[in-house]
Amino acid sequence: MIRVSVVGATGYTGIELVNILIRHPKVQITSLTTRSKEPKDIQEVIPTLPKHHDLVLETFNLKKVVTQSDIIFLALPHTQAMDLAHDLYKKGKTVIDLSADFRIKNTQLYEIWYGKKHTKKALLGDAVYGLPEVYRQKIKKANLIANPGCYPTSILLALKPVLEKGLVDLEHIVVDSKSGVSGAGKKLSEGTHFGEVNGNFKAYKVNQHQHMPEVESLLKQFSGEKVSMTFVPHLLPIERGILSTIYLKKNKGVTVTKIQKAFQTAYEKEPFVRVKPLGTFPSIKDVAHTNYCDIGIWASNRSKEVILISAIDNLVKGASGQAIQNMNIRVGFPEDLGLI
């Protein structure tokens, strides 16, 4: 049994963490924190939790969290996690950070895209990017895990097999992603009001979304070369889920068989990536409330075009479920424990 705390337990990702952790057979939740000054029963915030528990939302107390925790999840807004992550890490705790504060190694890029100076640059070398399908061996030993973003998870898992094998043109990658409203978090904004979203569908942050440098740095690692990507995110009038459609061009001599084999080799042993039969495609309903990433492939030997379609739940595989997958890896539990 391990002891865990969730710092920032009232946001969408924090609530999702609590919902999964409370049912995890090897976890004891010892602290749930909020910025509120008055303690609250967690069921006031998450009324769907089991009836009998003693969980209380309370103001963050560093000494208590450090003393009572083995693993600490930070479910805080971007730019607000780095200082606390540093303090907890330096006290010997394992920190899983769901913000973007340690995902991008280049601090200049981070500061451009997130608009704030990075105050803990020295820690970036210790942080491990928490995409298990890529960095599992490093995650096993990491005490600071930078949990990936939701769009990056859906894009990177789809592109990894074809980029690693050199199957596609690196200058022709177009990503069209569609996300549910929960991806924007709980913070109020005009663009995510019910009246703006309901019955509507729109693109936003066209080719300038803050997840782009995170994605591009990993794509460069996969391919060994600079990658040119066009990224257009869209807001769907639904609560949760991401569907990413990726348009590519095959390199000369690449066959459908080579593409299929690349995906089979990459993911046949992965517990949370499901590759669909050629020509069949995932939907958001297939993966909602699960930690799965489903991937569909369209390719033809008569055409240069390749289309990849991936689907995830942005709050689970795109955030909290993946964070718990990382926790399981780090402490040596079965990777799917508490997630299936």
Protein backbone atom coordinates (compact mmCIF):
# COMPACT_ATOMS: atom_id res chain seq x y z
CA MET A 1 0.00 0.00 0.00
CA ILE A 2 1.35 3.43 -0.94
CA ARG A 3 0.27 6.81 0.40
CA VAL A 4 -0.69 9.49 -2.12
CA SER A 5 -1.70 13.14 -2.05
CA VAL A 6 -3.46 15.20 -4.70
CA VAL A 7 -2.61 18.89 -4.68
CA GLY A 8 -5.36 20.73 -6.54
CA ALA A 9 -8.10 18.16 -6.13
CA THR A 10 -11.04 20.29 -7.26
CA GLY A 11 -10.16 20.85 -10.94
CA TYR A 12 -11.23 18.42 -13.64
CA THR A 13 -7.96 16.47 -13.58
CA GLY A 14 -7.87 16.51 -9.77
CA ILE A 15 -11.39 15.12 -9.55
CA GLU A 16 -10.56 12.44 -12.12
CA LEU A 17 -7.48 11.48 -10.08
CA VAL A 18 -9.53 11.09 -6.92
CA ASN A 19 -12.21 9.05 -8.71
CA ILE A 20 -9.59 6.56 -9.92
CA LEU A 21 -7.31 6.53 -6.87
CA ILE A 22 -10.10 5.89 -4.38
CA ARG A 23 -10.80 2.60 -6.16
CA HIS A 24 -7.14 1.62 -6.57
CA PRO A 25 -6.48 -1.51 -4.46
CA LYS A 26 -2.93 -0.52 -3.48
CA VAL A 27 -3.44 3.18 -2.69
CA GLN A 28 -4.26 5.09 0.46
CA ILE A 29 -5.21 8.73 -0.17
CA THR A 30 -3.72 10.74 2.69
CA SER A 31 -4.26 14.33 1.59
CA LEU A 32 -6.47 16.24 -0.84
CA THR A 33 -5.81 19.94 -1.03
CA THR A 34 -7.53 23.04 -2.34
CA ARG A 35 -7.04 26.77 -2.13
CA SER A 36 -10.17 27.08 0.02
CA LYS A 37 -9.46 28.06 3.63
CA GLU A 38 -12.26 25.93 5.06
CA PRO A 39 -12.12 22.10 5.03
CA LYS A 40 -14.82 20.36 3.02
CA ASP A 41 -16.01 16.78 2.73
CA ILE A 42 -14.81 15.62 -0.67
CA GLN A 43 -18.33 14.44 -1.54
CA GLU A 44 -19.41 18.08 -1.74
CA VAL A 45 -17.14 18.32 -4.78
CA ILE A 46 -17.35 14.72 -6.03
CA PRO A 47 -20.80 13.41 -5.01
CA THR A 48 -20.32 10.19 -7.02
CA LEU A 49 -17.70 8.82 -4.60
CA PRO A 50 -18.49 5.76 -2.44
CA LYS A 51 -20.54 6.48 0.67
CA HIS A 52 -18.07 5.45 3.35
CA HIS A 53 -14.77 7.32 3.43
CA ASP A 54 -12.98 9.90 5.56
CA LEU A 55 -11.56 12.13 2.83
CA VAL A 56 -11.56 15.86 3.43
CA LEU A 57 -10.49 18.73 1.19
CA GLU A 58 -8.14 20.99 3.11
CA THR A 59 -5.75 23.89 2.62
CA PHE A 60 -2.33 22.79 1.43
CA ASN A 61 0.16 22.13 4.24
CA LEU A 62 3.67 21.31 3.01
CA LYS A 63 4.77 19.53 6.18
CA LYS A 64 1.67 17.32 6.26
CA VAL A 65 1.86 16.41 2.58
CA VAL A 66 5.57 15.57 2.82
CA THR A 67 5.18 13.56 6.01
CA GLN A 68 2.15 11.55 4.90
CA SER A 69 2.87 10.92 1.21
CA ASP A 70 4.97 8.61 -0.93
CA ILE A 71 3.62 9.93 -4.24
CA ILE A 72 2.31 13.46 -4.78
CA PHE A 73 0.20 14.41 -7.78
CA LEU A 74 0.22 18.07 -8.74
CA ALA A 75 -3.02 18.96 -10.54
CA LEU A 76 -2.28 22.67 -10.70
CA PRO A 77 -2.51 25.16 -13.58
CA HIS A 78 0.45 25.59 -15.93
CA THR A 79 3.14 27.91 -14.49
CA GLN A 80 1.87 27.36 -10.93
CA ALA A 81 3.39 23.93 -10.27
CA MET A 82 7.14 24.42 -10.74
CA ASP A 83 7.99 25.97 -7.35
CA LEU A 84 6.01 23.44 -5.35
CA ALA A 85 7.32 20.55 -7.47
CA HIS A 86 10.84 21.73 -6.65
CA ASP A 87 10.14 21.87 -2.91
CA LEU A 88 8.58 18.41 -2.80
CA TYR A 89 11.24 16.85 -5.03
CA LYS A 90 14.04 18.26 -2.88
CA LYS A 91 12.43 16.63 0.15
CA GLY A 92 12.79 13.24 -1.50
CA LYS A 93 9.21 12.78 -2.68
CA THR A 94 8.10 11.34 -6.00
CA VAL A 95 6.19 14.05 -7.84
CA ILE A 96 3.89 13.49 -10.81
CA ASP A 97 3.17 16.90 -12.32
CA LEU A 98 0.13 17.18 -14.59
CA SER A 99 1.02 20.71 -15.70
CA ALA A 100 3.35 21.66 -18.55
CA ASP A 101 6.04 23.06 -16.25
CA PHE A 102 8.60 20.29 -16.80
CA ARG A 103 7.57 18.93 -20.20
CA ILE A 104 9.64 21.32 -22.32
CA LYS A 105 13.41 21.20 -21.75
CA ASN A 106 14.07 24.42 -23.67
CA THR A 107 13.20 27.19 -21.19
CA GLN A 108 13.13 29.86 -23.88
CA LEU A 109 10.41 27.94 -25.69
CA TYR A 110 8.52 27.40 -22.44
CA GLU A 111 8.64 31.11 -21.62
CA ILE A 112 7.49 32.08 -25.13
CA TRP A 113 4.54 29.69 -25.17
CA TYR A 114 3.45 29.97 -21.52
CA GLY A 115 4.33 33.61 -20.91
CA LYS A 116 6.18 33.15 -17.63
CA LYS A 117 9.81 32.81 -16.63
CA HIS A 118 10.79 29.27 -15.64
CA THR A 119 12.11 29.52 -12.08
CA LYS A 120 13.35 25.94 -11.68
CA LYS A 121 15.54 25.37 -14.73
CA ALA A 122 17.99 23.19 -12.78
CA LEU A 123 15.26 20.58 -12.28
CA LEU A 124 14.46 20.13 -15.97
CA GLY A 125 17.31 17.66 -16.43
CA ASP A 126 15.86 15.42 -13.72
CA ALA A 127 12.30 15.45 -15.07
CA VAL A 128 11.20 12.47 -17.17
CA TYR A 129 8.47 12.88 -19.77
CA GLY A 130 5.70 10.57 -18.63
CA LEU A 131 4.64 8.86 -21.84
CA PRO A 132 4.96 5.20 -20.81
CA GLU A 133 5.03 3.84 -24.35
CA VAL A 134 8.23 5.81 -24.94
CA TYR A 135 9.94 6.34 -21.58
CA ARG A 136 8.85 3.39 -19.44
CA GLN A 137 12.38 2.44 -18.34
CA LYS A 138 13.19 6.01 -17.25
CA ILE A 139 9.84 6.38 -15.47
CA LYS A 140 10.70 3.36 -13.31
CA LYS A 141 13.48 5.37 -11.66
CA ALA A 142 12.12 8.92 -11.88
CA ASN A 143 11.15 11.08 -8.92
CA LEU A 144 9.87 13.93 -11.09
CA ILE A 145 7.51 12.83 -13.85
CA ALA A 146 6.17 15.40 -16.31
CA ASN A 147 2.80 13.98 -17.29
CA PRO A 148 2.11 14.65 -21.00
CA GLY A 149 -0.57 16.96 -22.33
CA CYS A 150 -3.78 15.56 -23.79
CA TYR A 151 -3.29 16.68 -27.39
CA PRO A 152 0.34 15.50 -27.38
CA THR A 153 -0.66 12.06 -26.12
CA SER A 154 -3.16 11.58 -28.93
CA ILE A 155 -0.71 12.84 -31.57
CA LEU A 156 2.54 11.26 -30.38
CA LEU A 157 1.15 7.74 -29.97
CA ALA A 158 -0.25 7.86 -33.51
CA LEU A 159 2.94 9.20 -35.11
CA LYS A 160 5.61 7.32 -33.17
CA PRO A 161 5.60 4.08 -35.27
CA VAL A 162 5.79 5.75 -38.68
CA LEU A 163 8.39 8.35 -37.68
CA GLU A 164 10.70 5.88 -35.95
CA LYS A 165 10.69 3.67 -39.06
CA GLY A 166 11.15 6.57 -41.49
CA LEU A 167 7.95 5.77 -43.37
CA VAL A 168 6.57 9.26 -43.98
CA ASP A 169 7.62 12.68 -45.29
CA LEU A 170 8.64 14.80 -42.29
CA GLU A 171 7.64 18.04 -44.02
CA HIS A 172 4.03 17.03 -44.66
CA ILE A 173 2.38 16.37 -41.30
CA VAL A 174 -1.04 17.91 -40.75
CA VAL A 175 -2.80 17.31 -37.45
CA ASP A 176 -6.50 18.08 -37.07
CA SER A 177 -7.56 17.54 -33.44
CA LYS A 178 -10.95 17.92 -31.78
CA SER A 179 -11.38 18.10 -28.01
CA GLY A 180 -14.19 18.18 -25.50
CA VAL A 181 -14.64 21.29 -23.36
CA SER A 182 -13.09 19.80 -20.20
CA GLY A 183 -9.70 20.13 -21.92
CA ALA A 184 -9.86 23.86 -21.18
CA GLY A 185 -10.11 23.26 -17.42
CA LYS A 186 -12.55 24.78 -14.94
CA LYS A 187 -11.36 28.37 -15.26
CA LEU A 188 -14.15 30.55 -16.62
CA SER A 189 -13.74 31.96 -20.11
CA GLU A 190 -16.16 33.34 -22.65
CA GLY A 191 -15.21 30.73 -25.24
CA THR A 192 -16.19 27.80 -23.02
CA HIS A 193 -19.52 29.09 -21.69
CA PHE A 194 -22.45 26.75 -22.40
CA GLY A 195 -24.07 29.30 -24.69
CA GLU A 196 -20.89 29.57 -26.77
CA VAL A 197 -20.18 25.83 -27.01
CA ASN A 198 -23.60 24.23 -27.26
CA GLY A 199 -24.57 23.62 -30.88
CA ASN A 200 -21.27 25.06 -32.05
CA PHE A 201 -17.97 23.77 -33.43
CA LYS A 202 -14.91 25.90 -33.98
CA ALA A 203 -11.16 25.96 -34.48
CA TYR A 204 -9.00 27.88 -32.02
CA LYS A 205 -5.31 28.73 -31.53
CA VAL A 206 -4.71 27.67 -35.13
CA ASN A 207 -1.08 26.58 -35.47
CA GLN A 208 -0.23 28.40 -32.24
CA HIS A 209 -1.42 26.10 -29.48
CA GLN A 210 0.90 25.89 -26.47
CA HIS A 211 1.22 22.11 -26.87
CA MET A 212 3.05 22.47 -30.18
CA PRO A 213 6.63 22.72 -28.83
CA GLU A 214 5.98 19.71 -26.59
CA VAL A 215 4.82 17.65 -29.58
CA GLU A 216 7.53 18.85 -31.95
CA SER A 217 10.36 18.06 -29.52
CA LEU A 218 9.19 14.46 -29.21
CA LEU A 219 8.62 14.08 -32.95
CA LYS A 220 12.21 15.16 -33.51
CA GLN A 221 13.33 12.45 -31.07
CA PHE A 222 11.27 9.82 -32.90
CA SER A 223 12.58 10.74 -36.34
CA GLY A 224 16.07 12.00 -35.52
CA GLU A 225 15.38 15.06 -37.68
CA LYS A 226 13.47 18.32 -37.53
CA VAL A 227 9.78 17.79 -38.19
CA SER A 228 7.37 20.28 -39.78
CA MET A 229 3.85 20.03 -38.34
CA THR A 230 0.66 21.98 -38.97
CA PHE A 231 -1.65 21.74 -35.97
CA VAL A 232 -5.28 22.85 -35.89
CA PRO A 233 -7.19 22.18 -32.64
CA HIS A 234 -10.98 22.40 -32.49
CA LEU A 235 -13.49 22.63 -29.66
CA LEU A 236 -16.28 20.07 -29.68
CA PRO A 237 -19.61 20.68 -27.89
CA ILE A 238 -19.07 17.63 -25.64
CA GLU A 239 -17.64 17.16 -22.16
CA ARG A 240 -14.62 14.95 -22.80
CA GLY A 241 -12.55 13.13 -25.40
CA ILE A 242 -10.07 13.92 -28.19
CA LEU A 243 -10.13 12.69 -31.78
CA SER A 244 -6.98 13.49 -33.77
CA THR A 245 -6.88 13.00 -37.53
CA ILE A 246 -3.36 13.11 -38.97
CA TYR A 247 -2.60 13.49 -42.69
CA LEU A 248 0.74 12.20 -44.00
CA LYS A 249 2.55 11.28 -47.21
CA LYS A 250 4.43 8.01 -47.54
CA ASN A 251 8.07 7.93 -48.47
CA LYS A 252 9.06 6.19 -51.69
CA GLY A 253 8.82 2.40 -51.53
CA VAL A 254 6.68 2.30 -48.38
CA THR A 255 3.85 -0.23 -48.53
CA VAL A 256 0.71 -0.71 -46.50
CA THR A 257 2.26 -3.86 -45.06
CA LYS A 258 5.24 -1.87 -43.73
CA ILE A 259 2.92 0.61 -42.07
CA GLN A 260 0.80 -2.11 -40.47
CA LYS A 261 3.91 -3.92 -39.23
CA ALA A 262 5.28 -0.71 -37.70
CA PHE A 263 2.17 -0.34 -35.55
CA GLN A 264 2.06 -4.02 -34.64
CA THR A 265 5.70 -3.95 -33.55
CA ALA A 266 5.27 -0.74 -31.57
CA TYR A 267 2.10 -1.61 -29.68
CA GLU A 268 1.37 -5.33 -29.60
CA LYS A 269 2.57 -5.53 -25.97
CA GLU A 270 1.25 -2.16 -24.82
CA PRO A 271 -1.64 -2.48 -22.36
CA PHE A 272 -3.34 0.80 -23.27
CA VAL A 273 -2.83 1.24 -27.01
CA ARG A 274 -5.26 -0.60 -29.29
CA VAL A 275 -4.58 -0.59 -33.03
CA LYS A 276 -7.72 -1.23 -35.04
CA PRO A 277 -7.83 -3.38 -38.18
CA LEU A 278 -6.78 -1.54 -41.34
CA GLY A 279 -9.57 0.68 -42.62
CA THR A 280 -11.54 0.80 -39.36
CA PHE A 281 -11.42 3.83 -37.11
CA PRO A 282 -11.96 4.76 -33.47
CA SER A 283 -14.51 7.12 -31.99
CA ILE A 284 -14.51 9.08 -28.75
CA LYS A 285 -17.22 6.82 -27.30
CA ASP A 286 -14.85 3.85 -27.71
CA VAL A 287 -12.42 5.33 -25.19
CA ALA A 288 -14.49 7.64 -22.95
CA HIS A 289 -13.77 7.06 -19.23
CA THR A 290 -10.90 4.68 -20.08
CA ASN A 291 -7.10 4.90 -20.26
CA TYR A 292 -7.00 3.54 -23.81
CA CYS A 293 -5.65 5.19 -26.92
CA ASP A 294 -7.27 3.68 -30.02
CA ILE A 295 -5.61 4.16 -33.41
CA GLY A 296 -7.01 3.58 -36.88
CA ILE A 297 -5.02 3.55 -40.13
CA TRP A 298 -5.97 4.36 -43.70
CA ALA A 299 -3.36 3.60 -46.36
CA SER A 300 -3.28 2.31 -49.91
CA ASN A 301 -0.49 1.04 -52.15
CA ARG A 302 -2.03 3.13 -54.97
CA SER A 303 -1.69 6.42 -53.11
CA LYS A 304 0.94 8.40 -51.23
CA GLU A 305 -1.56 9.52 -48.60
CA VAL A 306 -1.70 7.98 -45.14
CA ILE A 307 -4.36 8.95 -42.61
CA LEU A 308 -4.05 8.09 -38.92
CA ILE A 309 -6.91 8.61 -36.48
CA SER A 310 -6.43 8.38 -32.72
CA ALA A 311 -8.95 8.70 -29.91
CA ILE A 312 -8.39 9.19 -26.18
CA ASP A 313 -10.26 10.48 -23.17
CA ASN A 314 -8.50 13.77 -22.48
CA LEU A 315 -9.08 13.48 -18.72
CA VAL A 316 -7.91 9.87 -18.44
CA LYS A 317 -5.20 8.79 -20.93
CA GLY A 318 -4.70 12.49 -21.64
CA ALA A 319 -4.18 13.39 -17.98
CA SER A 320 -5.14 11.60 -14.76
CA GLY A 321 -5.27 7.99 -15.94
CA GLN A 322 -1.86 8.33 -17.54
CA ALA A 323 -0.57 9.88 -14.30
CA ILE A 324 -1.74 6.80 -12.40
CA GLN A 325 -0.24 4.56 -15.09
CA ASN A 326 3.04 6.38 -14.40
CA MET A 327 2.60 5.87 -10.67
CA ASN A 328 2.07 2.14 -11.18
CA ILE A 329 5.25 1.92 -13.26
CA ARG A 330 7.26 3.95 -10.76
CA VAL A 331 6.36 1.84 -7.71
CA GLY A 332 6.40 -1.52 -9.50
CA PHE A 333 2.68 -2.29 -9.57
CA PRO A 334 1.08 -3.96 -12.61
CA GLU A 335 0.74 -1.14 -15.09
CA ASP A 336 -3.01 -1.49 -15.49
CA LEU A 337 -3.79 -1.79 -11.77
CA GLY A 338 -6.75 0.37 -10.88
CA LEU A 339 -7.22 1.44 -14.50
CA ILE A 340 -9.18 -1.48 -15.93
